[in-house]
Amino acid sequence: MLNKLEQAKDKWGGRHTIIDNWLHARQMLLIKYCELAGLSGGHDQAPQSHALPDASAIDAFCEAMMDYLSAGHFEVYDMLVNDDAEGQALKQKLYPEIAVTTDSALTFNDAYTDAVSAEQASQFDTDLASLGETLEVRFELEDQLIGHMYHSEQALASAEIAG
């Protein structure tokens, strides 16, 4: 996931402060995810430990995740599709899929931000792995929205130059 993030930053970084900040928030979220999962170097590797992470680490991850999700819903998505019909159609197509990932993230947050029961602790690694897959799907969907914005801007700039 971090490799895909680096590709997104290379492709779209430096053009819009909001996007740069959002991609940075994604990076921080992924780092916290890797720490919780016991992954070293942030690459897709097997977990190093089966012990339940410290409650403060879980809370920090959940807080970063909620901040990231909120920024997408309340700041970024509308900017990415502007007012063009193609962008609105893309948003209408992708938003239900993004909403499913939001629901999964909220479920994880609700389950693990309070005291964790023994039953939840035994399920933590599985739930975290599932959440990781969900976040990967979400990032791919969001990258489609970012890609649309940049393609639209390039088309507009080309039309202005040609006009």
Protein backbone atom coordinates (compact mmCIF):
# COMPACT_ATOMS: atom_id res chain seq x y z
CA MET A 1 0.00 0.00 0.00
CA LEU A 2 2.85 2.39 0.74
CA ASN A 3 4.33 1.72 -2.70
CA LYS A 4 1.02 2.65 -4.33
CA LEU A 5 0.89 5.77 -2.18
CA GLU A 6 4.37 6.80 -3.36
CA GLN A 7 3.22 6.34 -6.96
CA ALA A 8 0.18 8.54 -6.31
CA LYS A 9 2.33 11.22 -4.67
CA ASP A 10 4.78 11.13 -7.59
CA LYS A 11 1.95 11.38 -10.10
CA TRP A 12 -0.23 14.01 -8.42
CA GLY A 13 1.80 15.62 -5.65
CA GLY A 14 2.78 19.27 -5.65
CA ARG A 15 -0.17 20.58 -7.65
CA HIS A 16 -2.77 21.19 -4.94
CA THR A 17 -2.16 21.76 -1.27
CA ILE A 18 -5.38 19.97 -0.31
CA ILE A 19 -4.38 16.85 -2.27
CA ASP A 20 -0.84 16.98 -0.88
CA ASN A 21 -2.19 17.22 2.67
CA TRP A 22 -4.66 14.41 2.04
CA LEU A 23 -1.98 12.12 0.59
CA HIS A 24 0.24 12.96 3.56
CA ALA A 25 -2.63 12.01 5.91
CA ARG A 26 -2.97 8.75 3.96
CA GLN A 27 0.74 8.11 4.46
CA MET A 28 0.47 8.70 8.22
CA LEU A 29 -2.54 6.38 8.35
CA LEU A 30 -0.63 3.66 6.51
CA ILE A 31 2.37 4.01 8.80
CA LYS A 32 0.13 3.63 11.85
CA TYR A 33 -1.56 0.66 10.18
CA CYS A 34 1.79 -1.03 9.55
CA GLU A 35 2.82 -0.41 13.15
CA LEU A 36 -0.40 -2.00 14.43
CA ALA A 37 -0.04 -4.93 12.06
CA GLY A 38 3.55 -5.47 13.17
CA LEU A 39 4.87 -4.96 9.66
CA SER A 40 8.39 -3.67 9.23
CA GLY A 41 9.20 -1.26 6.46
CA GLY A 42 5.55 -0.87 5.51
CA HIS A 43 5.65 -3.55 2.80
CA ASP A 44 3.17 -6.35 2.41
CA GLN A 45 4.80 -8.86 4.77
CA ALA A 46 3.56 -11.30 7.34
CA PRO A 47 2.94 -9.83 10.80
CA GLN A 48 5.87 -10.06 13.17
CA SER A 49 3.86 -10.51 16.35
CA HIS A 50 0.47 -11.83 17.40
CA ALA A 51 0.22 -9.73 20.58
CA LEU A 52 -2.55 -7.16 20.78
CA PRO A 53 -1.09 -3.67 20.26
CA ASP A 54 -1.17 -1.10 23.03
CA ALA A 55 -4.58 0.58 23.40
CA SER A 56 -3.03 4.01 22.78
CA ALA A 57 -1.61 2.77 19.45
CA ILE A 58 -5.02 1.46 18.43
CA ASP A 59 -6.63 4.76 19.44
CA ALA A 60 -4.01 6.78 17.50
CA PHE A 61 -4.61 4.66 14.41
CA CYS A 62 -8.39 4.97 14.69
CA GLU A 63 -8.12 8.73 15.17
CA ALA A 64 -5.89 9.07 12.09
CA MET A 65 -8.31 6.88 10.13
CA MET A 66 -11.36 8.92 11.14
CA ASP A 67 -9.57 12.17 10.29
CA TYR A 68 -8.58 10.80 6.89
CA LEU A 69 -12.08 9.51 6.11
CA SER A 70 -13.67 12.78 7.20
CA ALA A 71 -11.32 14.85 5.07
CA GLY A 72 -12.30 12.81 2.03
CA HIS A 73 -16.02 13.11 2.61
CA PHE A 74 -16.13 16.74 3.72
CA GLU A 75 -13.21 18.43 1.96
CA VAL A 76 -11.76 16.51 -0.94
CA TYR A 77 -14.34 14.55 -2.94
CA ASP A 78 -16.39 17.51 -4.13
CA MET A 79 -13.23 19.35 -5.15
CA LEU A 80 -12.03 16.35 -7.16
CA VAL A 81 -15.08 16.14 -9.38
CA ASN A 82 -15.76 19.89 -9.63
CA ASP A 83 -18.98 20.69 -11.43
CA ASP A 84 -18.38 18.76 -14.64
CA ALA A 85 -20.90 16.11 -15.65
CA GLU A 86 -18.26 13.41 -16.14
CA GLY A 87 -16.88 14.02 -12.65
CA GLN A 88 -20.32 13.95 -11.08
CA ALA A 89 -21.10 10.68 -12.89
CA LEU A 90 -17.82 9.21 -11.63
CA LYS A 91 -18.62 10.32 -8.09
CA GLN A 92 -22.10 8.77 -8.32
CA LYS A 93 -20.54 5.52 -9.56
CA LEU A 94 -17.76 5.36 -6.94
CA TYR A 95 -19.43 6.88 -3.91
CA PRO A 96 -21.51 3.79 -3.00
CA GLU A 97 -18.33 1.69 -3.05
CA ILE A 98 -16.50 4.30 -0.97
CA ALA A 99 -19.43 4.34 1.49
CA VAL A 100 -19.04 0.57 2.01
CA THR A 101 -15.38 1.12 2.95
CA THR A 102 -16.42 3.92 5.30
CA ASP A 103 -18.88 1.60 7.04
CA SER A 104 -16.18 -1.06 7.47
CA ALA A 105 -13.76 1.49 8.91
CA LEU A 106 -16.41 2.81 11.30
CA THR A 107 -17.19 -0.72 12.45
CA PHE A 108 -13.50 -1.34 13.20
CA ASN A 109 -13.25 2.03 14.98
CA ASP A 110 -16.32 1.32 17.10
CA ALA A 111 -15.09 -2.16 17.99
CA TYR A 112 -11.57 -1.24 19.03
CA THR A 113 -11.51 2.30 20.41
CA ASP A 114 -13.07 1.30 23.72
CA ALA A 115 -11.85 -1.43 26.03
CA VAL A 116 -11.13 -4.56 24.05
CA SER A 117 -12.66 -7.80 25.30
CA ALA A 118 -10.80 -11.12 25.18
CA GLU A 119 -13.01 -12.21 22.28
CA GLN A 120 -12.21 -9.01 20.34
CA ALA A 121 -8.51 -9.40 21.09
CA SER A 122 -8.51 -12.85 19.52
CA GLN A 123 -10.18 -11.40 16.41
CA PHE A 124 -8.00 -8.26 16.17
CA ASP A 125 -5.42 -9.53 13.64
CA THR A 126 -8.15 -10.84 11.34
CA ASP A 127 -10.17 -7.62 11.62
CA LEU A 128 -7.09 -5.47 11.03
CA ALA A 129 -6.11 -7.50 7.96
CA SER A 130 -9.65 -7.17 6.60
CA LEU A 131 -9.55 -3.43 7.26
CA GLY A 132 -6.25 -3.22 5.39
CA GLU A 133 -7.87 -4.80 2.35
CA THR A 134 -10.79 -2.40 2.67
CA LEU A 135 -8.49 0.62 2.88
CA GLU A 136 -6.61 -0.57 -0.20
CA VAL A 137 -9.88 -0.71 -2.15
CA ARG A 138 -10.79 2.75 -0.86
CA PHE A 139 -7.45 4.26 -1.88
CA GLU A 140 -7.86 2.83 -5.39
CA LEU A 141 -11.33 4.38 -5.67
CA GLU A 142 -10.08 7.71 -4.35
CA ASP A 143 -7.18 7.63 -6.79
CA GLN A 144 -9.72 7.39 -9.61
CA LEU A 145 -11.29 10.64 -8.35
CA ILE A 146 -7.88 12.32 -8.11
CA GLY A 147 -7.02 11.09 -11.61
CA HIS A 148 -10.25 12.57 -12.94
CA MET A 149 -9.43 15.98 -11.48
CA TYR A 150 -5.98 16.04 -13.06
CA HIS A 151 -7.22 14.81 -16.43
CA SER A 152 -9.94 17.48 -16.38
CA GLU A 153 -7.41 20.19 -15.51
CA GLN A 154 -5.08 19.06 -18.29
CA ALA A 155 -7.94 19.03 -20.82
CA LEU A 156 -8.99 22.53 -19.74
CA ALA A 157 -5.44 23.84 -19.96
CA SER A 158 -5.03 22.31 -23.42
CA ALA A 159 -8.31 23.87 -24.57
CA GLU A 160 -7.23 27.28 -23.27
CA ILE A 161 -3.90 27.03 -25.07
CA ALA A 162 -5.55 25.89 -28.31
CA GLY A 163 -8.30 28.50 -28.02
